[in-house]
């Protein structure tokens, strides 16, 4: 069995980190800045309806980012376990705890799509209630991201 060189392990970890940065920026910064105005529900819903592909791309990118973030600490563990095995294990633990939170949080975005695309919700709720529900799910999503950010920060302590 061939043992992977440290350089190859480092390159894999670096590539994963680069992909994480690109996907994270896309779904956390770029797409929300294009579509979501938390102070204007009408504009937000109109933006999502007019650019539903971009909103869905944000969901896919968030899922991919979570998958990458699941692989990155494992790759870094493989690289750093010989330096400090305990710290490397804590790094993996803190990172992996955030993954299920991130996946569950993505459900808020699916709920937004369901509300916007099912006409029976608009009929039953009325426009104001529909807007309120959509904004509630978007706020819940932001709260979930903030909760995950605590763990995203914690994993960096043993990594450092």
Protein backbone atom coordinates (compact mmCIF):
# COMPACT_ATOMS: atom_id res chain seq x y z
CA UNK A 1 0.00 0.00 0.00
CA UNK A 2 1.42 3.32 -1.08
CA UNK A 3 1.50 6.07 1.51
CA UNK A 4 0.49 9.46 0.20
CA UNK A 5 3.24 12.08 0.42
CA UNK A 6 2.86 15.10 2.69
CA UNK A 7 2.97 17.35 -0.39
CA UNK A 8 0.08 15.51 -2.00
CA UNK A 9 -1.93 15.66 1.26
CA UNK A 10 -1.23 19.39 1.49
CA UNK A 11 -2.30 19.97 -2.12
CA UNK A 12 -5.57 18.10 -1.57
CA UNK A 13 -6.28 20.09 1.61
CA UNK A 14 -5.38 23.33 -0.19
CA UNK A 15 -7.67 22.53 -3.12
CA UNK A 16 -10.53 21.72 -0.76
CA UNK A 17 -9.93 24.96 1.14
CA UNK A 18 -9.97 26.95 -2.12
CA UNK A 19 -13.23 25.27 -3.20
CA UNK A 20 -14.71 26.01 0.23
CA UNK A 21 -13.79 29.69 -0.05
CA UNK A 22 -15.32 30.00 -3.52
CA UNK A 23 -18.51 28.12 -2.67
CA UNK A 24 -18.86 29.84 0.71
CA UNK A 25 -18.53 33.30 -0.81
CA UNK A 26 -21.04 32.39 -3.49
CA UNK A 27 -23.82 31.15 -1.21
CA UNK A 28 -23.14 33.34 1.83
CA UNK A 29 -22.33 36.67 0.19
CA UNK A 30 -22.90 36.95 -3.55
CA UNK A 31 -26.29 35.28 -4.04
CA UNK A 32 -27.97 36.84 -0.99
CA UNK A 33 -26.69 40.29 -2.03
CA UNK A 34 -28.33 39.81 -5.42
CA UNK A 35 -31.68 38.48 -4.19
CA UNK A 36 -32.46 39.19 -0.57
CA UNK A 37 -33.44 42.47 1.07
CA UNK A 38 -34.56 41.61 4.59
CA UNK A 39 -36.20 45.04 4.90
CA UNK A 40 -38.30 44.64 1.75
CA UNK A 41 -40.32 41.43 1.47
CA UNK A 42 -41.99 42.38 -1.80
CA UNK A 43 -38.68 43.07 -3.52
CA UNK A 44 -37.12 39.89 -2.08
CA UNK A 45 -39.96 37.65 -3.29
CA UNK A 46 -39.92 39.34 -6.71
CA UNK A 47 -36.13 38.87 -6.93
CA UNK A 48 -36.39 35.18 -6.03
CA UNK A 49 -39.21 34.61 -8.52
CA UNK A 50 -37.33 36.43 -11.28
CA UNK A 51 -34.04 34.69 -10.51
CA UNK A 52 -35.19 31.35 -9.17
CA UNK A 53 -32.29 29.61 -10.87
CA UNK A 54 -29.83 31.78 -8.91
CA UNK A 55 -31.70 31.06 -5.65
CA UNK A 56 -31.60 27.32 -6.40
CA UNK A 57 -27.92 27.61 -7.33
CA UNK A 58 -27.39 29.06 -3.85
CA UNK A 59 -29.00 25.98 -2.33
CA UNK A 60 -26.86 23.63 -4.42
CA UNK A 61 -23.75 25.64 -3.62
CA UNK A 62 -24.57 25.52 0.11
CA UNK A 63 -24.91 21.74 -0.08
CA UNK A 64 -21.64 21.41 -1.99
CA UNK A 65 -19.94 23.74 0.47
CA UNK A 66 -21.10 21.60 3.39
CA UNK A 67 -19.81 18.48 1.67
CA UNK A 68 -16.47 20.15 1.01
CA UNK A 69 -16.37 21.31 4.63
CA UNK A 70 -16.91 17.71 5.67
CA UNK A 71 -13.90 16.58 3.62
CA UNK A 72 -11.56 19.48 4.42
CA UNK A 73 -10.99 18.76 8.14
CA UNK A 74 -10.51 15.09 7.33
CA UNK A 75 -7.86 15.98 4.76
CA UNK A 76 -6.25 18.37 7.23
CA UNK A 77 -6.36 15.71 9.96
CA UNK A 78 -4.57 13.31 7.64
CA UNK A 79 -1.93 16.00 7.10
CA UNK A 80 -1.62 17.27 10.69
CA UNK A 81 -2.16 14.23 12.92
CA UNK A 82 1.58 13.61 13.10
CA UNK A 83 2.11 17.17 14.38
CA UNK A 84 -0.50 17.08 17.18
CA UNK A 85 -3.01 14.25 17.11
CA UNK A 86 -5.26 15.65 19.88
CA UNK A 87 -5.58 19.09 18.27
CA UNK A 88 -6.19 17.50 14.90
CA UNK A 89 -9.01 15.40 16.37
CA UNK A 90 -10.65 18.44 18.00
CA UNK A 91 -10.38 20.31 14.71
CA UNK A 92 -12.29 17.51 12.97
CA UNK A 93 -14.84 17.25 15.78
CA UNK A 94 -15.73 20.96 15.78
CA UNK A 95 -15.95 21.10 12.00
CA UNK A 96 -18.06 17.96 11.64
CA UNK A 97 -20.54 19.05 14.33
CA UNK A 98 -21.50 22.02 12.15
CA UNK A 99 -22.34 19.87 9.10
CA UNK A 100 -25.75 18.54 10.26
CA UNK A 101 -26.70 22.03 11.45
CA UNK A 102 -25.87 23.40 8.00
CA UNK A 103 -27.86 20.70 6.21
CA UNK A 104 -30.93 21.18 8.40
CA UNK A 105 -30.62 24.94 7.95
CA UNK A 106 -30.83 24.57 4.15
CA UNK A 107 -34.40 23.35 4.63
CA UNK A 108 -35.36 26.97 5.31
CA UNK A 109 -34.43 27.82 1.72
CA UNK A 110 -36.52 24.92 0.40
CA UNK A 111 -39.44 26.23 2.45
CA UNK A 112 -39.08 29.63 0.78
CA UNK A 113 -39.28 27.98 -2.64
CA UNK A 114 -42.33 25.96 -1.60
CA UNK A 115 -44.16 29.07 -0.39
CA UNK A 116 -43.32 31.08 -3.48
CA UNK A 117 -44.09 28.37 -6.04
CA UNK A 118 -47.29 26.86 -4.67
CA UNK A 119 -50.19 29.11 -5.60
CA UNK A 120 -52.44 27.54 -2.95
CA UNK A 121 -50.29 29.16 -0.24
CA UNK A 122 -50.82 32.60 -1.75
CA UNK A 123 -54.56 31.91 -1.91
CA UNK A 124 -54.81 30.64 1.67
CA UNK A 125 -52.43 33.06 3.33
CA UNK A 126 -52.91 36.21 1.32
CA UNK A 127 -49.99 38.30 0.09
CA UNK A 128 -49.05 39.82 3.45
CA UNK A 129 -49.00 36.50 5.30
CA UNK A 130 -47.06 34.87 2.46
CA UNK A 131 -44.44 37.62 2.59
CA UNK A 132 -44.23 37.27 6.36
CA UNK A 133 -43.70 33.51 6.09
CA UNK A 134 -41.01 33.87 3.40
CA UNK A 135 -39.15 36.47 5.42
CA UNK A 136 -39.43 34.32 8.56
CA UNK A 137 -37.77 31.40 6.76
CA UNK A 138 -35.04 33.68 5.42
CA UNK A 139 -34.45 35.08 8.93
CA UNK A 140 -34.36 31.52 10.31
CA UNK A 141 -31.80 30.65 7.66
CA UNK A 142 -29.63 33.60 8.69
CA UNK A 143 -29.93 32.56 12.34
CA UNK A 144 -28.83 29.04 11.39
CA UNK A 145 -25.81 30.41 9.55
CA UNK A 146 -24.88 32.48 12.60
CA UNK A 147 -25.16 29.38 14.80
CA UNK A 148 -22.92 27.46 12.41
CA UNK A 149 -20.42 30.30 12.37
CA UNK A 150 -19.65 29.65 16.04
CA UNK A 151 -18.51 26.15 15.15
CA UNK A 152 -16.79 27.39 12.00
CA UNK A 153 -14.72 29.59 14.30
CA UNK A 154 -14.13 26.91 16.93
CA UNK A 155 -12.60 24.46 14.47
CA UNK A 156 -9.94 27.04 13.68
CA UNK A 157 -8.63 27.10 17.27
CA UNK A 158 -7.10 23.61 17.19
CA UNK A 159 -6.25 24.09 13.50
CA UNK A 160 -4.09 27.09 14.46
